[in-house]
PDB file of all heavy atoms in Angstrom:
ATOM      1  N   GLY A   1      73.298-142.807 -21.169  1.00  0.00           N
ATOM      2  CA  GLY A   1      74.291-141.954 -21.809  1.00  0.00           C
ATOM      3  C   GLY A   1      73.714-140.596 -22.149  1.00  0.00           C
ATOM      4  O   GLY A   1      72.527-140.337 -21.942  1.00  0.00           O
ATOM      5  N   ARG A   2      74.584-139.751 -22.696  1.00  0.00           N
ATOM      6  CA  ARG A   2      74.167-138.420 -23.139  1.00  0.00           C
ATOM      7  C   ARG A   2      74.694-138.155 -24.540  1.00  0.00           C
ATOM      8  O   ARG A   2      75.814-138.548 -24.872  1.00  0.00           O
ATOM      9  CB  ARG A   2      74.677-137.340 -22.184  1.00  0.00           C
ATOM     10  CG  ARG A   2      74.033-137.385 -20.801  1.00  0.00           C
ATOM     11  CD  ARG A   2      74.420-136.191 -19.958  1.00  0.00           C
ATOM     12  NE  ARG A   2      73.832-136.270 -18.627  1.00  0.00           N
ATOM     13  CZ  ARG A   2      72.612-135.853 -18.325  1.00  0.00           C
ATOM     14  NH1 ARG A   2      71.849-135.319 -19.266  1.00  0.00           N
ATOM     15  NH2 ARG A   2      72.154-135.956 -17.086  1.00  0.00           N
ATOM     16  N   GLY A   3      73.865-137.503 -25.344  1.00  0.00           N
ATOM     17  CA  GLY A   3      74.244-137.151 -26.694  1.00  0.00           C
ATOM     18  C   GLY A   3      75.126-135.926 -26.729  1.00  0.00           C
ATOM     19  O   GLY A   3      75.412-135.309 -25.699  1.00  0.00           O
ATOM     20  N   PRO A   4      75.569-135.523 -27.934  1.00  0.00           N
ATOM     21  CA  PRO A   4      76.490-134.391 -28.060  1.00  0.00           C
ATOM     22  C   PRO A   4      75.885-133.072 -27.608  1.00  0.00           C
ATOM     23  O   PRO A   4      76.610-132.127 -27.295  1.00  0.00           O
ATOM     24  CB  PRO A   4      76.815-134.371 -29.564  1.00  0.00           C
ATOM     25  CG  PRO A   4      75.693-135.111 -30.215  1.00  0.00           C
ATOM     26  CD  PRO A   4      75.258-136.141 -29.225  1.00  0.00           C
ATOM     27  N   LYS A   5      74.562-132.974 -27.559  1.00  0.00           N
ATOM     28  CA  LYS A   5      73.898-131.755 -27.100  1.00  0.00           C
ATOM     29  C   LYS A   5      73.192-131.969 -25.770  1.00  0.00           C
ATOM     30  O   LYS A   5      72.243-131.262 -25.434  1.00  0.00           O
ATOM     31  CB  LYS A   5      72.913-131.278 -28.163  1.00  0.00           C
ATOM     32  CG  LYS A   5      73.577-130.871 -29.471  1.00  0.00           C
ATOM     33  CD  LYS A   5      72.578-130.337 -30.475  1.00  0.00           C
ATOM     34  CE  LYS A   5      73.265-129.921 -31.773  1.00  0.00           C
ATOM     35  NZ  LYS A   5      72.291-129.399 -32.764  1.00  0.00           N
ATOM     36  N   GLY A   6      73.654-132.963 -25.013  1.00  0.00           N
ATOM     37  CA  GLY A   6      73.093-133.213 -23.695  1.00  0.00           C
ATOM     38  C   GLY A   6      71.867-134.100 -23.676  1.00  0.00           C
ATOM     39  O   GLY A   6      71.228-134.269 -22.633  1.00  0.00           O
ATOM     40  N   GLU A   7      71.519-134.697 -24.826  1.00  0.00           N
ATOM     41  CA  GLU A   7      70.361-135.576 -24.865  1.00  0.00           C
ATOM     42  C   GLU A   7      70.572-136.758 -23.915  1.00  0.00           C
ATOM     43  O   GLU A   7      71.638-137.370 -23.898  1.00  0.00           O
ATOM     44  CB  GLU A   7      70.139-136.117 -26.286  1.00  0.00           C
ATOM     45  CG  GLU A   7      70.008-135.044 -27.356  1.00  0.00           C
ATOM     46  CD  GLU A   7      71.314-134.736 -28.058  1.00  0.00           C
ATOM     47  OE1 GLU A   7      72.381-134.916 -27.429  1.00  0.00           O
ATOM     48  OE2 GLU A   7      71.273-134.324 -29.222  1.00  0.00           O
ATOM     49  N   VAL A   8      69.548-137.078 -23.141  1.00  0.00           N
ATOM     50  CA  VAL A   8      69.640-138.192 -22.199  1.00  0.00           C
ATOM     51  C   VAL A   8      69.187-139.479 -22.878  1.00  0.00           C
ATOM     52  O   VAL A   8      68.144-139.524 -23.537  1.00  0.00           O
ATOM     53  CB  VAL A   8      68.780-137.924 -20.948  1.00  0.00           C
ATOM     54  CG1 VAL A   8      68.795-139.143 -20.020  1.00  0.00           C
ATOM     55  CG2 VAL A   8      69.300-136.700 -20.202  1.00  0.00           C
ATOM     56  N   TRP A   9      69.985-140.519 -22.733  1.00  0.00           N
ATOM     57  CA  TRP A   9      69.672-141.832 -23.304  1.00  0.00           C
ATOM     58  C   TRP A   9      69.443-142.824 -22.176  1.00  0.00           C
ATOM     59  O   TRP A   9      70.272-142.965 -21.280  1.00  0.00           O
ATOM     60  CB  TRP A   9      70.830-142.313 -24.183  1.00  0.00           C
ATOM     61  CG  TRP A   9      70.789-143.780 -24.486  1.00  0.00           C
ATOM     62  CD1 TRP A   9      71.293-144.804 -23.719  1.00  0.00           C
ATOM     63  CD2 TRP A   9      70.190-144.408 -25.627  1.00  0.00           C
ATOM     64  NE1 TRP A   9      71.052-146.014 -24.309  1.00  0.00           N
ATOM     65  CE2 TRP A   9      70.370-145.813 -25.478  1.00  0.00           C
ATOM     66  CE3 TRP A   9      69.530-143.922 -26.753  1.00  0.00           C
ATOM     67  CZ2 TRP A   9      69.917-146.720 -26.425  1.00  0.00           C
ATOM     68  CZ3 TRP A   9      69.075-144.834 -27.692  1.00  0.00           C
ATOM     69  CH2 TRP A   9      69.276-146.212 -27.526  1.00  0.00           C
ATOM     70  N   LYS A  10      68.306-143.506 -22.208  1.00  0.00           N
ATOM     71  CA  LYS A  10      68.018-144.605 -21.292  1.00  0.00           C
ATOM     72  C   LYS A  10      67.598-145.807 -22.123  1.00  0.00           C
ATOM     73  O   LYS A  10      66.664-145.720 -22.921  1.00  0.00           O
ATOM     74  CB  LYS A  10      66.919-144.219 -20.304  1.00  0.00           C
ATOM     75  CG  LYS A  10      67.308-143.122 -19.328  1.00  0.00           C
ATOM     76  CD  LYS A  10      66.192-142.841 -18.333  1.00  0.00           C
ATOM     77  CE  LYS A  10      66.600-141.757 -17.350  1.00  0.00           C
ATOM     78  NZ  LYS A  10      65.504-141.462 -16.375  1.00  0.00           N
ATOM     79  N   PHE A  11      68.273-146.912 -21.923  1.00  0.00           N
ATOM     80  CA  PHE A  11      68.083-148.069 -22.794  1.00  0.00           C
ATOM     81  C   PHE A  11      66.618-148.496 -22.869  1.00  0.00           C
ATOM     82  O   PHE A  11      66.060-148.655 -23.963  1.00  0.00           O
ATOM     83  CB  PHE A  11      68.947-149.240 -22.313  1.00  0.00           C
ATOM     84  CG  PHE A  11      68.762-150.482 -23.135  1.00  0.00           C
ATOM     85  CD1 PHE A  11      69.462-150.646 -24.318  1.00  0.00           C
ATOM     86  CD2 PHE A  11      67.875-151.477 -22.740  1.00  0.00           C
ATOM     87  CE1 PHE A  11      69.277-151.784 -25.095  1.00  0.00           C
ATOM     88  CE2 PHE A  11      67.690-152.615 -23.510  1.00  0.00           C
ATOM     89  CZ  PHE A  11      68.391-152.766 -24.690  1.00  0.00           C
ATOM     90  N   ALA A  12      65.987-148.705 -21.723  1.00  0.00           N
ATOM     91  CA  ALA A  12      64.614-149.228 -21.717  1.00  0.00           C
ATOM     92  C   ALA A  12      63.649-148.282 -22.410  1.00  0.00           C
ATOM     93  O   ALA A  12      62.690-148.723 -23.063  1.00  0.00           O
ATOM     94  CB  ALA A  12      64.163-149.499 -20.288  1.00  0.00           C
ATOM     95  N   ASP A  13      63.891-146.990 -22.299  1.00  0.00           N
ATOM     96  CA  ASP A  13      62.988-146.004 -22.893  1.00  0.00           C
ATOM     97  C   ASP A  13      63.268-145.761 -24.366  1.00  0.00           C
ATOM     98  O   ASP A  13      62.341-145.564 -25.164  1.00  0.00           O
ATOM     99  CB  ASP A  13      63.096-144.665 -22.149  1.00  0.00           C
ATOM    100  CG  ASP A  13      62.647-144.758 -20.706  1.00  0.00           C
ATOM    101  OD1 ASP A  13      61.852-145.667 -20.386  1.00  0.00           O
ATOM    102  OD2 ASP A  13      63.104-143.921 -19.890  1.00  0.00           O
ATOM    103  N   ASP A  14      64.544-145.764 -24.744  1.00  0.00           N
ATOM    104  CA  ASP A  14      64.937-145.259 -26.058  1.00  0.00           C
ATOM    105  C   ASP A  14      65.354-146.318 -27.072  1.00  0.00           C
ATOM    106  O   ASP A  14      65.289-146.068 -28.280  1.00  0.00           O
ATOM    107  CB  ASP A  14      66.086-144.257 -25.894  1.00  0.00           C
ATOM    108  CG  ASP A  14      65.687-143.069 -25.037  1.00  0.00           C
ATOM    109  OD1 ASP A  14      64.583-142.543 -25.245  1.00  0.00           O
ATOM    110  OD2 ASP A  14      66.473-142.688 -24.148  1.00  0.00           O
ATOM    111  N   PHE A  15      65.806-147.479 -26.596  1.00  0.00           N
ATOM    112  CA  PHE A  15      66.356-148.435 -27.550  1.00  0.00           C
ATOM    113  C   PHE A  15      65.320-149.031 -28.503  1.00  0.00           C
ATOM    114  O   PHE A  15      65.616-149.192 -29.692  1.00  0.00           O
ATOM    115  CB  PHE A  15      67.107-149.562 -26.840  1.00  0.00           C
ATOM    116  CG  PHE A  15      67.762-150.510 -27.809  1.00  0.00           C
ATOM    117  CD1 PHE A  15      68.848-150.100 -28.563  1.00  0.00           C
ATOM    118  CD2 PHE A  15      67.270-151.791 -27.992  1.00  0.00           C
ATOM    119  CE1 PHE A  15      69.451-150.954 -29.477  1.00  0.00           C
ATOM    120  CE2 PHE A  15      67.855-152.648 -28.902  1.00  0.00           C
ATOM    121  CZ  PHE A  15      68.953-152.234 -29.649  1.00  0.00           C
ATOM    122  N   PRO A  16      64.117-149.396 -28.052  1.00  0.00           N
ATOM    123  CA  PRO A  16      63.166-149.984 -29.008  1.00  0.00           C
ATOM    124  C   PRO A  16      62.917-149.105 -30.233  1.00  0.00           C
ATOM    125  O   PRO A  16      62.891-149.598 -31.371  1.00  0.00           O
ATOM    126  CB  PRO A  16      61.894-150.167 -28.161  1.00  0.00           C
ATOM    127  CG  PRO A  16      62.409-150.370 -26.777  1.00  0.00           C
ATOM    128  CD  PRO A  16      63.586-149.436 -26.670  1.00  0.00           C
ATOM    129  N   ALA A  17      62.754-147.799 -30.018  1.00  0.00           N
ATOM    130  CA  ALA A  17      62.524-146.901 -31.156  1.00  0.00           C
ATOM    131  C   ALA A  17      63.755-146.829 -32.053  1.00  0.00           C
ATOM    132  O   ALA A  17      63.633-146.809 -33.295  1.00  0.00           O
ATOM    133  CB  ALA A  17      62.158-145.506 -30.656  1.00  0.00           C
ATOM    134  N   LEU A  18      64.945-146.795 -31.455  1.00  0.00           N
ATOM    135  CA  LEU A  18      66.169-146.758 -32.255  1.00  0.00           C
ATOM    136  C   LEU A  18      66.320-148.043 -33.061  1.00  0.00           C
ATOM    137  O   LEU A  18      66.698-148.008 -34.237  1.00  0.00           O
ATOM    138  CB  LEU A  18      67.391-146.567 -31.363  1.00  0.00           C
ATOM    139  CG  LEU A  18      68.742-146.664 -32.085  1.00  0.00           C
ATOM    140  CD1 LEU A  18      68.865-145.594 -33.157  1.00  0.00           C
ATOM    141  CD2 LEU A  18      69.896-146.573 -31.100  1.00  0.00           C
ATOM    142  N   LEU A  19      66.027-149.177 -32.455  1.00  0.00           N
ATOM    143  CA  LEU A  19      66.166-150.442 -33.160  1.00  0.00           C
ATOM    144  C   LEU A  19      65.239-150.493 -34.372  1.00  0.00           C
ATOM    145  O   LEU A  19      65.645-150.905 -35.468  1.00  0.00           O
ATOM    146  CB  LEU A  19      65.868-151.606 -32.210  1.00  0.00           C
ATOM    147  CG  LEU A  19      65.973-153.011 -32.803  1.00  0.00           C
ATOM    148  CD1 LEU A  19      67.359-153.263 -33.383  1.00  0.00           C
ATOM    149  CD2 LEU A  19      65.640-154.064 -31.749  1.00  0.00           C
ATOM    150  N   GLU A  20      64.002-150.068 -34.201  1.00  0.00           N
ATOM    151  CA  GLU A  20      63.067-150.070 -35.322  1.00  0.00           C
ATOM    152  C   GLU A  20      63.528-149.125 -36.430  1.00  0.00           C
ATOM    153  O   GLU A  20      63.453-149.466 -37.620  1.00  0.00           O
ATOM    154  CB  GLU A  20      61.668-149.697 -34.840  1.00  0.00           C
ATOM    155  CG  GLU A  20      61.015-150.774 -33.978  1.00  0.00           C
ATOM    156  CD  GLU A  20      59.559-150.490 -33.689  1.00  0.00           C
ATOM    157  OE1 GLU A  20      59.014-149.542 -34.300  1.00  0.00           O
ATOM    158  OE2 GLU A  20      58.962-151.212 -32.875  1.00  0.00           O
ATOM    159  N   ALA A  21      64.014-147.945 -36.050  1.00  0.00           N
ATOM    160  CA  ALA A  21      64.492-146.995 -37.055  1.00  0.00           C
ATOM    161  C   ALA A  21      65.724-147.525 -37.778  1.00  0.00           C
ATOM    162  O   ALA A  21      65.899-147.300 -38.985  1.00  0.00           O
ATOM    163  CB  ALA A  21      64.811-145.656 -36.389  1.00  0.00           C
ATOM    164  N   SER A  22      66.575-148.241 -37.066  1.00  0.00           N
ATOM    165  CA  SER A  22      67.804-148.769 -37.662  1.00  0.00           C
ATOM    166  C   SER A  22      67.519-149.958 -38.572  1.00  0.00           C
ATOM    167  O   SER A  22      68.079-150.062 -39.673  1.00  0.00           O
ATOM    168  CB  SER A  22      68.776-149.177 -36.556  1.00  0.00           C
ATOM    169  OG  SER A  22      69.071-148.078 -35.720  1.00  0.00           O
ATOM    170  N   VAL A  23      66.650-150.853 -38.134  1.00  0.00           N
ATOM    171  CA  VAL A  23      66.298-152.014 -38.955  1.00  0.00           C
ATOM    172  C   VAL A  23      65.625-151.576 -40.250  1.00  0.00           C
ATOM    173  O   VAL A  23      65.776-152.221 -41.300  1.00  0.00           O
ATOM    174  CB  VAL A  23      65.400-152.973 -38.141  1.00  0.00           C
ATOM    175  CG1 VAL A  23      64.685-153.962 -39.041  1.00  0.00           C
ATOM    176  CG2 VAL A  23      66.241-153.715 -37.104  1.00  0.00           C
ATOM    177  N   ALA A  24      64.907-150.454 -40.211  1.00  0.00           N
ATOM    178  CA  ALA A  24      64.270-149.929 -41.420  1.00  0.00           C
ATOM    179  C   ALA A  24      65.294-149.525 -42.474  1.00  0.00           C
ATOM    180  O   ALA A  24      64.945-149.372 -43.652  1.00  0.00           O
ATOM    181  CB  ALA A  24      63.389-148.742 -41.064  1.00  0.00           C
ATOM    182  N   LEU A  25      66.559-149.369 -42.075  1.00  0.00           N
ATOM    183  CA  LEU A  25      67.619-149.006 -43.015  1.00  0.00           C
ATOM    184  C   LEU A  25      68.222-150.212 -43.721  1.00  0.00           C
ATOM    185  O   LEU A  25      69.056-150.049 -44.614  1.00  0.00           O
ATOM    186  CB  LEU A  25      68.737-148.253 -42.276  1.00  0.00           C
ATOM    187  CG  LEU A  25      68.367-146.923 -41.620  1.00  0.00           C
ATOM    188  CD1 LEU A  25      69.565-146.365 -40.862  1.00  0.00           C
ATOM    189  CD2 LEU A  25      67.882-145.922 -42.654  1.00  0.00           C
ATOM    190  N   LEU A  26      67.829-151.409 -43.333  1.00  0.00           N
ATOM    191  CA  LEU A  26      68.427-152.601 -43.934  1.00  0.00           C
ATOM    192  C   LEU A  26      67.985-152.770 -45.384  1.00  0.00           C
ATOM    193  O   LEU A  26      66.857-152.458 -45.761  1.00  0.00           O
ATOM    194  CB  LEU A  26      68.050-153.843 -43.126  1.00  0.00           C
ATOM    195  CG  LEU A  26      68.711-153.963 -41.753  1.00  0.00           C
ATOM    196  CD1 LEU A  26      68.120-155.136 -40.979  1.00  0.00           C
ATOM    197  CD2 LEU A  26      70.226-154.121 -41.881  1.00  0.00           C
ATOM    198  N   SER A  27      68.892-153.296 -46.169  1.00  0.00           N
ATOM    199  CA  SER A  27      68.622-153.536 -47.589  1.00  0.00           C
ATOM    200  C   SER A  27      67.674-154.721 -47.763  1.00  0.00           C
ATOM    201  O   SER A  27      67.267-155.362 -46.788  1.00  0.00           O
ATOM    202  CB  SER A  27      69.942-153.814 -48.316  1.00  0.00           C
ATOM    203  OG  SER A  27      70.486-155.062 -47.884  1.00  0.00           O
ATOM    204  N   ASP A  28      67.364-155.020 -49.002  1.00  0.00           N
ATOM    205  CA  ASP A  28      66.488-156.166 -49.289  1.00  0.00           C
ATOM    206  C   ASP A  28      67.190-157.493 -49.061  1.00  0.00           C
ATOM    207  O   ASP A  28      66.533-158.533 -48.958  1.00  0.00           O
ATOM    208  CB  ASP A  28      65.988-156.100 -50.734  1.00  0.00           C
ATOM    209  CG  ASP A  28      65.040-154.932 -50.974  1.00  0.00           C
ATOM    210  OD1 ASP A  28      64.400-154.488 -49.998  1.00  0.00           O
ATOM    211  OD2 ASP A  28      64.957-154.465 -52.124  1.00  0.00           O
ATOM    212  N   THR A  29      68.514-157.463 -49.005  1.00  0.00           N
ATOM    213  CA  THR A  29      69.286-158.696 -48.766  1.00  0.00           C
ATOM    214  C   THR A  29      70.260-158.477 -47.613  1.00  0.00           C
ATOM    215  O   THR A  29      71.481-158.511 -47.808  1.00  0.00           O
ATOM    216  CB  THR A  29      70.058-159.116 -50.043  1.00  0.00           C
ATOM    217  OG1 THR A  29      70.885-158.010 -50.471  1.00  0.00           O
ATOM    218  CG2 THR A  29      69.098-159.514 -51.155  1.00  0.00           C
ATOM    219  N   PRO A  30      69.747-158.270 -46.398  1.00  0.00           N
ATOM    220  CA  PRO A  30      70.641-158.011 -45.262  1.00  0.00           C
ATOM    221  C   PRO A  30      71.434-159.252 -44.888  1.00  0.00           C
ATOM    222  O   PRO A  30      70.988-160.392 -45.098  1.00  0.00           O
ATOM    223  CB  PRO A  30      69.683-157.604 -44.147  1.00  0.00           C
ATOM    224  CG  PRO A  30      68.402-158.271 -44.491  1.00  0.00           C
ATOM    225  CD  PRO A  30      68.332-158.264 -45.988  1.00  0.00           C
ATOM    226  N   LEU A  31      72.595-159.014 -44.297  1.00  0.00           N
ATOM    227  CA  LEU A  31      73.495-160.107 -43.939  1.00  0.00           C
ATOM    228  C   LEU A  31      73.393-160.469 -42.467  1.00  0.00           C
ATOM    229  O   LEU A  31      73.229-161.642 -42.105  1.00  0.00           O
ATOM    230  CB  LEU A  31      74.930-159.724 -44.295  1.00  0.00           C
ATOM    231  CG  LEU A  31      76.009-160.788 -44.129  1.00  0.00           C
ATOM    232  CD1 LEU A  31      75.721-161.982 -45.025  1.00  0.00           C
ATOM    233  CD2 LEU A  31      77.390-160.200 -44.433  1.00  0.00           C
ATOM    234  N   PHE A  32      73.518-159.458 -41.573  1.00  0.00           N
ATOM    235  CA  PHE A  32      73.424-159.747 -40.142  1.00  0.00           C
ATOM    236  C   PHE A  32      73.101-158.484 -39.364  1.00  0.00           C
ATOM    237  O   PHE A  32      73.272-157.357 -39.848  1.00  0.00           O
ATOM    238  CB  PHE A  32      74.710-160.392 -39.608  1.00  0.00           C
ATOM    239  CG  PHE A  32      75.950-159.538 -39.691  1.00  0.00           C
ATOM    240  CD1 PHE A  32      76.182-158.508 -38.766  1.00  0.00           C
ATOM    241  CD2 PHE A  32      76.911-159.758 -40.671  1.00  0.00           C
ATOM    242  CE1 PHE A  32      77.323-157.725 -38.834  1.00  0.00           C
ATOM    243  CE2 PHE A  32      78.054-158.972 -40.751  1.00  0.00           C
ATOM    244  CZ  PHE A  32      78.260-157.957 -39.819  1.00  0.00           C
TER     245      PHE A  32
END
């Protein structure tokens, strides 16, 4: 995919970093 400013997204390259950054946002009592 591409972001709003033309950023290129490739799952294999970009998803692991996004997943780690997103999981870091979870509270102390996450649900799912």
